[in-house]
Each structure stands twice: as C-alpha cells, then as structure tokens.
Amino acid sequence: MDFVEGRTLHAKSTVSQKVIGQLRKTLAALHGQNHVYGDLRGPNVVVSVDKNGGEIAKLLDFDWGGEEGVVLYPADINTEIGWHSEVCPGGLIRGEHDKFMLQCLENGN
C-alpha cells in the first residue's frame, strides 16, 4: 500500500457518487465471476486523481477475497466494525455483505 498513490477513505468521510459508482462496478465484476471481496472498508479503498482531474477508486488488500461460498472471514475478525448482521468469525463471506458495506460507505458510516 505504500506504493499506491492517492488517499484512503476514512470513517465518516464523504464519498463521491463517482467513487461509489466505480466501486459498485468493481463489485459487480467480482460477483459476476462468483467472487467476493469481504473487507470493503475505507482503509482498503484508495482514491487517486487521473490526468484530467477525475477520481479513480482502487481496492486494496484482497486477503479475504475469493470464491463465494468458499472463503471465510478470519477467526479474529473485529466484530466492533459495523458489518452485515450475518458476518461472524469464521463465517462465509457473501456478496450481499460486500453490497452492505458499500452502502455503509455511501451513507458515510
């Protein structure tokens, strides 16, 4: 992450609709291939600026990602984060969890 240019999203920060749209498309591409991300939080999203001044959103840290129905949340997951209600230590990572976390980012949660 030290080599990626841009800023990470912080809790309670305002996220532009352009960034939300890009993240929505990225998740749709992953989910379309039966993959999930699992850790969609501000620190794992970097927003940089292209040569025309437009924002570009990039996901970092794919450690938890993989095939839906196969990959699991870590046993030591921080349960204090506002995850989807079904998220639990060692539980299956689902696409709906990614979508829930995107909605949280969009709402500034």
C-alpha atoms as a PDB file:
ATOM      1  CA  MET A   1       0.000   0.000   0.000  1.00  0.00           C
ATOM      2  CA  ASP A   2       2.990   2.291   0.446  1.00  0.00           C
ATOM      3  CA  PHE A   3       3.415   2.405  -3.326  1.00  0.00           C
ATOM      4  CA  VAL A   4      -0.151   3.291  -4.299  1.00  0.00           C
ATOM      5  CA  GLU A   5      -0.765   6.966  -4.935  1.00  0.00           C
ATOM      6  CA  GLY A   6      -3.889   8.555  -3.547  1.00  0.00           C
ATOM      7  CA  ARG A   7      -5.789   8.830  -0.296  1.00  0.00           C
ATOM      8  CA  THR A   8      -7.660   6.179   1.585  1.00  0.00           C
ATOM      9  CA  LEU A   9     -11.225   6.770   2.675  1.00  0.00           C
ATOM     10  CA  HIS A  10     -11.682   7.482   6.350  1.00  0.00           C
ATOM     11  CA  ALA A  11     -14.604   6.667   8.595  1.00  0.00           C
ATOM     12  CA  LYS A  12     -17.422   9.190   8.314  1.00  0.00           C
ATOM     13  CA  SER A  13     -15.843  10.750   5.221  1.00  0.00           C
ATOM     14  CA  THR A  14     -17.965  11.873   2.301  1.00  0.00           C
ATOM     15  CA  VAL A  15     -17.547   9.604  -0.696  1.00  0.00           C
ATOM     16  CA  SER A  16     -18.441  10.978  -4.115  1.00  0.00           C
ATOM     17  CA  GLN A  17     -21.060   9.247  -6.235  1.00  0.00           C
ATOM     18  CA  LYS A  18     -18.384   8.729  -8.897  1.00  0.00           C
ATOM     19  CA  VAL A  19     -16.290   6.693  -6.454  1.00  0.00           C
ATOM     20  CA  ILE A  20     -19.351   4.779  -5.238  1.00  0.00           C
ATOM     21  CA  GLY A  21     -20.245   4.023  -8.859  1.00  0.00           C
ATOM     22  CA  GLN A  22     -16.754   2.734  -9.585  1.00  0.00           C
ATOM     23  CA  LEU A  23     -16.807   0.536  -6.502  1.00  0.00           C
ATOM     24  CA  ARG A  24     -20.257  -0.748  -7.465  1.00  0.00           C
ATOM     25  CA  LYS A  25     -18.931  -1.723 -10.916  1.00  0.00           C
ATOM     26  CA  THR A  26     -15.868  -3.395  -9.395  1.00  0.00           C
ATOM     27  CA  LEU A  27     -18.034  -5.431  -7.033  1.00  0.00           C
ATOM     28  CA  ALA A  28     -20.381  -6.347  -9.886  1.00  0.00           C
ATOM     29  CA  ALA A  29     -17.409  -7.639 -11.878  1.00  0.00           C
ATOM     30  CA  LEU A  30     -16.180  -9.696  -8.910  1.00  0.00           C
ATOM     31  CA  HIS A  31     -19.636 -11.012  -8.070  1.00  0.00           C
ATOM     32  CA  GLY A  32     -20.252 -11.807 -11.738  1.00  0.00           C
ATOM     33  CA  GLN A  33     -17.328 -14.220 -11.535  1.00  0.00           C
ATOM     34  CA  ASN A  34     -18.688 -15.701  -8.255  1.00  0.00           C
ATOM     35  CA  HIS A  35     -16.036 -13.911  -6.203  1.00  0.00           C
ATOM     36  CA  VAL A  36     -16.339 -11.753  -3.115  1.00  0.00           C
ATOM     37  CA  TYR A  37     -14.115  -9.119  -1.557  1.00  0.00           C
ATOM     38  CA  GLY A  38     -15.054  -9.355   2.126  1.00  0.00           C
ATOM     39  CA  ASP A  39     -13.304  -6.307   3.586  1.00  0.00           C
ATOM     40  CA  LEU A  40     -14.854  -3.251   1.932  1.00  0.00           C
ATOM     41  CA  ARG A  41     -13.932  -0.503   4.373  1.00  0.00           C
ATOM     42  CA  GLY A  42     -12.430   2.943   3.910  1.00  0.00           C
ATOM     43  CA  PRO A  43      -8.825   1.933   4.668  1.00  0.00           C
ATOM     44  CA  ASN A  44      -8.978  -0.570   1.803  1.00  0.00           C
ATOM     45  CA  VAL A  45     -10.122   1.960  -0.797  1.00  0.00           C
ATOM     46  CA  VAL A  46      -7.648   4.377  -2.363  1.00  0.00           C
ATOM     47  CA  VAL A  47      -8.880   7.313  -4.401  1.00  0.00           C
ATOM     48  CA  SER A  48      -6.424   8.925  -6.780  1.00  0.00           C
ATOM     49  CA  VAL A  49      -6.782  11.630  -9.393  1.00  0.00           C
ATOM     50  CA  ASP A  50      -6.297  10.949 -13.096  1.00  0.00           C
ATOM     51  CA  LYS A  51      -4.587  13.342 -15.533  1.00  0.00           C
ATOM     52  CA  ASN A  52      -7.932  15.064 -16.201  1.00  0.00           C
ATOM     53  CA  GLY A  53      -8.657  15.648 -12.522  1.00  0.00           C
ATOM     54  CA  GLY A  54     -11.181  12.815 -12.224  1.00  0.00           C
ATOM     55  CA  GLU A  55     -11.305  10.432  -9.298  1.00  0.00           C
ATOM     56  CA  ILE A  56     -10.251   6.809  -9.641  1.00  0.00           C
ATOM     57  CA  ALA A  57     -11.163   4.295  -6.916  1.00  0.00           C
ATOM     58  CA  LYS A  58      -8.975   1.245  -6.309  1.00  0.00           C
ATOM     59  CA  LEU A  59      -9.482  -1.646  -3.917  1.00  0.00           C
ATOM     60  CA  LEU A  60      -6.542  -2.801  -1.834  1.00  0.00           C
ATOM     61  CA  ASP A  61      -5.962  -5.844   0.346  1.00  0.00           C
ATOM     62  CA  PHE A  62      -7.613  -8.834  -1.270  1.00  0.00           C
ATOM     63  CA  ASP A  63      -6.513 -11.140   1.563  1.00  0.00           C
ATOM     64  CA  TRP A  64     -10.083 -12.156   2.383  1.00  0.00           C
ATOM     65  CA  GLY A  65     -11.358 -12.282  -1.184  1.00  0.00           C
ATOM     66  CA  GLY A  66     -12.066 -15.388  -3.168  1.00  0.00           C
ATOM     67  CA  GLU A  67     -14.816 -17.666  -4.369  1.00  0.00           C
ATOM     68  CA  GLU A  68     -18.203 -17.022  -2.804  1.00  0.00           C
ATOM     69  CA  GLY A  69     -19.347 -19.938  -0.666  1.00  0.00           C
ATOM     70  CA  VAL A  70     -15.742 -20.981  -0.072  1.00  0.00           C
ATOM     71  CA  VAL A  71     -13.826 -18.126   1.556  1.00  0.00           C
ATOM     72  CA  LEU A  72     -14.337 -17.376   5.233  1.00  0.00           C
ATOM     73  CA  TYR A  73     -13.925 -14.383   7.486  1.00  0.00           C
ATOM     74  CA  PRO A  74     -10.900 -14.698   9.755  1.00  0.00           C
ATOM     75  CA  ALA A  75     -11.440 -16.158  13.216  1.00  0.00           C
ATOM     76  CA  ASP A  76     -10.113 -12.953  14.767  1.00  0.00           C
ATOM     77  CA  ILE A  77     -12.320 -10.513  12.795  1.00  0.00           C
ATOM     78  CA  ASN A  78     -13.024  -7.271  14.636  1.00  0.00           C
ATOM     79  CA  THR A  79     -16.695  -7.641  15.483  1.00  0.00           C
ATOM     80  CA  GLU A  80     -16.904  -3.996  16.616  1.00  0.00           C
ATOM     81  CA  ILE A  81     -16.965  -2.839  12.978  1.00  0.00           C
ATOM     82  CA  GLY A  82     -20.477  -2.310  11.606  1.00  0.00           C
ATOM     83  CA  TRP A  83     -20.503  -5.436   9.456  1.00  0.00           C
ATOM     84  CA  HIS A  84     -23.595  -7.018   7.902  1.00  0.00           C
ATOM     85  CA  SER A  85     -25.589  -8.817  10.609  1.00  0.00           C
ATOM     86  CA  GLU A  86     -24.588 -12.256   9.229  1.00  0.00           C
ATOM     87  CA  VAL A  87     -20.833 -11.609   9.456  1.00  0.00           C
ATOM     88  CA  CYS A  88     -19.149 -13.641  12.178  1.00  0.00           C
ATOM     89  CA  PRO A  89     -15.716 -15.095  12.911  1.00  0.00           C
ATOM     90  CA  GLY A  90     -15.112 -17.998  10.549  1.00  0.00           C
ATOM     91  CA  GLY A  91     -18.369 -17.349   8.663  1.00  0.00           C
ATOM     92  CA  LEU A  92     -18.774 -17.480   4.903  1.00  0.00           C
ATOM     93  CA  ILE A  93     -18.158 -14.241   3.014  1.00  0.00           C
ATOM     94  CA  ARG A  94     -21.162 -13.381   0.840  1.00  0.00           C
ATOM     95  CA  GLY A  95     -21.695 -10.893  -1.973  1.00  0.00           C
ATOM     96  CA  GLU A  96     -24.534  -9.299  -0.025  1.00  0.00           C
ATOM     97  CA  HIS A  97     -22.005  -8.438   2.691  1.00  0.00           C
ATOM     98  CA  ASP A  98     -19.914  -6.521   0.119  1.00  0.00           C
ATOM     99  CA  LYS A  99     -23.022  -4.664  -1.046  1.00  0.00           C
ATOM    100  CA  PHE A 100     -23.964  -3.824   2.538  1.00  0.00           C
ATOM    101  CA  MET A 101     -20.528  -2.365   3.221  1.00  0.00           C
ATOM    102  CA  LEU A 102     -20.688  -0.334   0.000  1.00  0.00           C
ATOM    103  CA  GLN A 103     -23.991   1.108   1.215  1.00  0.00           C
ATOM    104  CA  CYS A 104     -22.311   1.973   4.526  1.00  0.00           C
ATOM    105  CA  LEU A 105     -19.544   3.823   2.663  1.00  0.00           C
ATOM    106  CA  GLU A 106     -22.141   5.642   0.574  1.00  0.00           C
ATOM    107  CA  ASN A 107     -24.031   6.675   3.704  1.00  0.00           C
ATOM    108  CA  GLY A 108     -20.870   7.822   5.496  1.00  0.00           C
ATOM    109  CA  ASN A 109     -20.980   5.034   8.084  1.00  0.00           C
END
